[in-house]
Amino acid sequence: MMLVTGGSWFIGREVCRQLCARGYDVIATDRSVPACLPCPSAAGDIGAPGFLAELFEAHRSDAVIHPAALRKTESGERPEEGMRVSIGAT
């Protein structure tokens, strides 16, 4: 099982599509997850205490691909939040 963070956005969604097309079991996560993903998904904040631990327990992920990030404008306006998502959550 592969866990992909940022599954709602361009890179994360494409990573999910490519992995699924190659036969991998995938679960995507994001703060809000669209219904158009080709794989199961879980909505939540990867920086929230316990969220990733619960996902790992429930899905036994073998690998994590972490393209989740805040947009440049969001990170500029809220640099602490940008650091928390991009670095702290990993």
C-alpha atoms as a PDB file:
ATOM      1  CA  MET A   1       0.000   0.000   0.000  1.00  0.00           C
ATOM      2  CA  MET A   2       1.275   3.438  -0.982  1.00  0.00           C
ATOM      3  CA  LEU A   3       0.143   6.571   0.868  1.00  0.00           C
ATOM      4  CA  VAL A   4       0.097   9.765  -1.205  1.00  0.00           C
ATOM      5  CA  THR A   5      -0.271  13.087   0.609  1.00  0.00           C
ATOM      6  CA  GLY A   6      -1.730  16.063  -1.220  1.00  0.00           C
ATOM      7  CA  GLY A   7      -3.960  13.811  -3.318  1.00  0.00           C
ATOM      8  CA  SER A   8      -6.371  16.623  -4.227  1.00  0.00           C
ATOM      9  CA  TRP A   9      -3.827  18.712  -6.080  1.00  0.00           C
ATOM     10  CA  PHE A  10      -2.195  18.372  -9.484  1.00  0.00           C
ATOM     11  CA  ILE A  11       0.955  16.443  -8.578  1.00  0.00           C
ATOM     12  CA  GLY A  12      -0.608  14.243  -5.890  1.00  0.00           C
ATOM     13  CA  ARG A  13      -3.604  13.377  -8.065  1.00  0.00           C
ATOM     14  CA  GLU A  14      -1.340  12.455 -10.988  1.00  0.00           C
ATOM     15  CA  VAL A  15       0.894  10.345  -8.729  1.00  0.00           C
ATOM     16  CA  CYS A  16      -2.233   8.468  -7.594  1.00  0.00           C
ATOM     17  CA  ARG A  17      -3.359   7.921 -11.186  1.00  0.00           C
ATOM     18  CA  GLN A  18       0.032   6.663 -12.284  1.00  0.00           C
ATOM     19  CA  LEU A  19       0.439   4.291  -9.334  1.00  0.00           C
ATOM     20  CA  CYS A  20      -3.082   2.886  -9.761  1.00  0.00           C
ATOM     21  CA  ALA A  21      -2.486   2.408 -13.498  1.00  0.00           C
ATOM     22  CA  ARG A  22       0.573   0.331 -12.619  1.00  0.00           C
ATOM     23  CA  GLY A  23      -1.379  -1.871 -10.232  1.00  0.00           C
ATOM     24  CA  TYR A  24      -0.295  -0.439  -6.874  1.00  0.00           C
ATOM     25  CA  ASP A  25      -2.697  -0.239  -3.951  1.00  0.00           C
ATOM     26  CA  VAL A  26      -2.934   3.453  -3.102  1.00  0.00           C
ATOM     27  CA  ILE A  27      -4.630   5.639  -0.522  1.00  0.00           C
ATOM     28  CA  ALA A  28      -4.604   9.409  -0.925  1.00  0.00           C
ATOM     29  CA  THR A  29      -4.939  12.009   1.766  1.00  0.00           C
ATOM     30  CA  ASP A  30      -5.534  15.733   1.753  1.00  0.00           C
ATOM     31  CA  ARG A  31      -7.394  18.329   3.795  1.00  0.00           C
ATOM     32  CA  SER A  32     -10.320  17.788   1.417  1.00  0.00           C
ATOM     33  CA  VAL A  33     -10.387  14.930  -1.041  1.00  0.00           C
ATOM     34  CA  PRO A  34     -12.306  15.060  -4.328  1.00  0.00           C
ATOM     35  CA  ALA A  35     -14.450  12.177  -5.506  1.00  0.00           C
ATOM     36  CA  CYS A  36     -12.560  11.995  -8.816  1.00  0.00           C
ATOM     37  CA  LEU A  37      -9.522  10.187  -7.405  1.00  0.00           C
ATOM     38  CA  PRO A  38      -8.904   6.683  -8.787  1.00  0.00           C
ATOM     39  CA  CYS A  39      -8.197   5.303  -5.307  1.00  0.00           C
ATOM     40  CA  PRO A  40      -9.548   5.326  -1.756  1.00  0.00           C
ATOM     41  CA  SER A  41      -8.947   8.536   0.141  1.00  0.00           C
ATOM     42  CA  ALA A  42      -8.953   9.981   3.634  1.00  0.00           C
ATOM     43  CA  ALA A  43      -9.625  13.628   4.395  1.00  0.00           C
ATOM     44  CA  GLY A  44      -7.569  15.169   7.171  1.00  0.00           C
ATOM     45  CA  ASP A  45      -4.601  17.287   8.147  1.00  0.00           C
ATOM     46  CA  ILE A  46      -1.334  15.351   7.908  1.00  0.00           C
ATOM     47  CA  GLY A  47       0.087  17.582  10.634  1.00  0.00           C
ATOM     48  CA  ALA A  48      -2.713  16.848  13.081  1.00  0.00           C
ATOM     49  CA  PRO A  49      -1.655  14.694  16.039  1.00  0.00           C
ATOM     50  CA  GLY A  50      -2.467  11.063  15.361  1.00  0.00           C
ATOM     51  CA  PHE A  51      -3.874  11.463  11.828  1.00  0.00           C
ATOM     52  CA  LEU A  52      -0.999   9.757  10.008  1.00  0.00           C
ATOM     53  CA  ALA A  53      -0.592   7.159  12.756  1.00  0.00           C
ATOM     54  CA  GLU A  54      -4.245   6.196  12.328  1.00  0.00           C
ATOM     55  CA  LEU A  55      -3.806   5.916   8.552  1.00  0.00           C
ATOM     56  CA  PHE A  56      -0.698   3.760   8.925  1.00  0.00           C
ATOM     57  CA  GLU A  57      -2.493   1.516  11.397  1.00  0.00           C
ATOM     58  CA  ALA A  58      -5.580   1.160   9.224  1.00  0.00           C
ATOM     59  CA  HIS A  59      -3.811   0.728   5.879  1.00  0.00           C
ATOM     60  CA  ARG A  60      -0.338  -0.623   6.667  1.00  0.00           C
ATOM     61  CA  SER A  61       1.412   1.622   4.149  1.00  0.00           C
ATOM     62  CA  ASP A  62       4.705   0.367   2.760  1.00  0.00           C
ATOM     63  CA  ALA A  63       5.713   3.748   1.371  1.00  0.00           C
ATOM     64  CA  VAL A  64       4.746   7.411   1.509  1.00  0.00           C
ATOM     65  CA  ILE A  65       4.959   9.882  -1.332  1.00  0.00           C
ATOM     66  CA  HIS A  66       4.678  13.392   0.077  1.00  0.00           C
ATOM     67  CA  PRO A  67       3.825  16.030  -2.551  1.00  0.00           C
ATOM     68  CA  ALA A  68       1.498  17.843  -0.107  1.00  0.00           C
ATOM     69  CA  ALA A  69       2.330  21.502   0.320  1.00  0.00           C
ATOM     70  CA  LEU A  70       0.647  24.836   0.640  1.00  0.00           C
ATOM     71  CA  ARG A  71       0.448  27.073  -2.392  1.00  0.00           C
ATOM     72  CA  LYS A  72       3.175  29.690  -2.644  1.00  0.00           C
ATOM     73  CA  THR A  73       0.751  32.465  -1.718  1.00  0.00           C
ATOM     74  CA  GLU A  74      -0.492  30.528   1.316  1.00  0.00           C
ATOM     75  CA  SER A  75       3.047  29.796   2.479  1.00  0.00           C
ATOM     76  CA  GLY A  76       3.987  33.448   2.051  1.00  0.00           C
ATOM     77  CA  GLU A  77       1.013  34.609   4.060  1.00  0.00           C
ATOM     78  CA  ARG A  78       1.387  31.895   6.701  1.00  0.00           C
ATOM     79  CA  PRO A  79       5.036  30.758   6.728  1.00  0.00           C
ATOM     80  CA  GLU A  80       4.672  28.758   9.965  1.00  0.00           C
ATOM     81  CA  GLU A  81       1.820  26.770   8.419  1.00  0.00           C
ATOM     82  CA  GLY A  82       3.894  26.195   5.276  1.00  0.00           C
ATOM     83  CA  MET A  83       6.776  24.821   7.342  1.00  0.00           C
ATOM     84  CA  ARG A  84       4.397  22.651   9.376  1.00  0.00           C
ATOM     85  CA  VAL A  85       2.879  21.031   6.284  1.00  0.00           C
ATOM     86  CA  SER A  86       5.978  20.796   4.117  1.00  0.00           C
ATOM     87  CA  ILE A  87       8.539  19.810   6.747  1.00  0.00           C
ATOM     88  CA  GLY A  88       6.966  19.162  10.145  1.00  0.00           C
ATOM     89  CA  ALA A  89       4.393  16.678   8.865  1.00  0.00           C
ATOM     90  CA  THR A  90       7.086  14.479   7.383  1.00  0.00           C
END
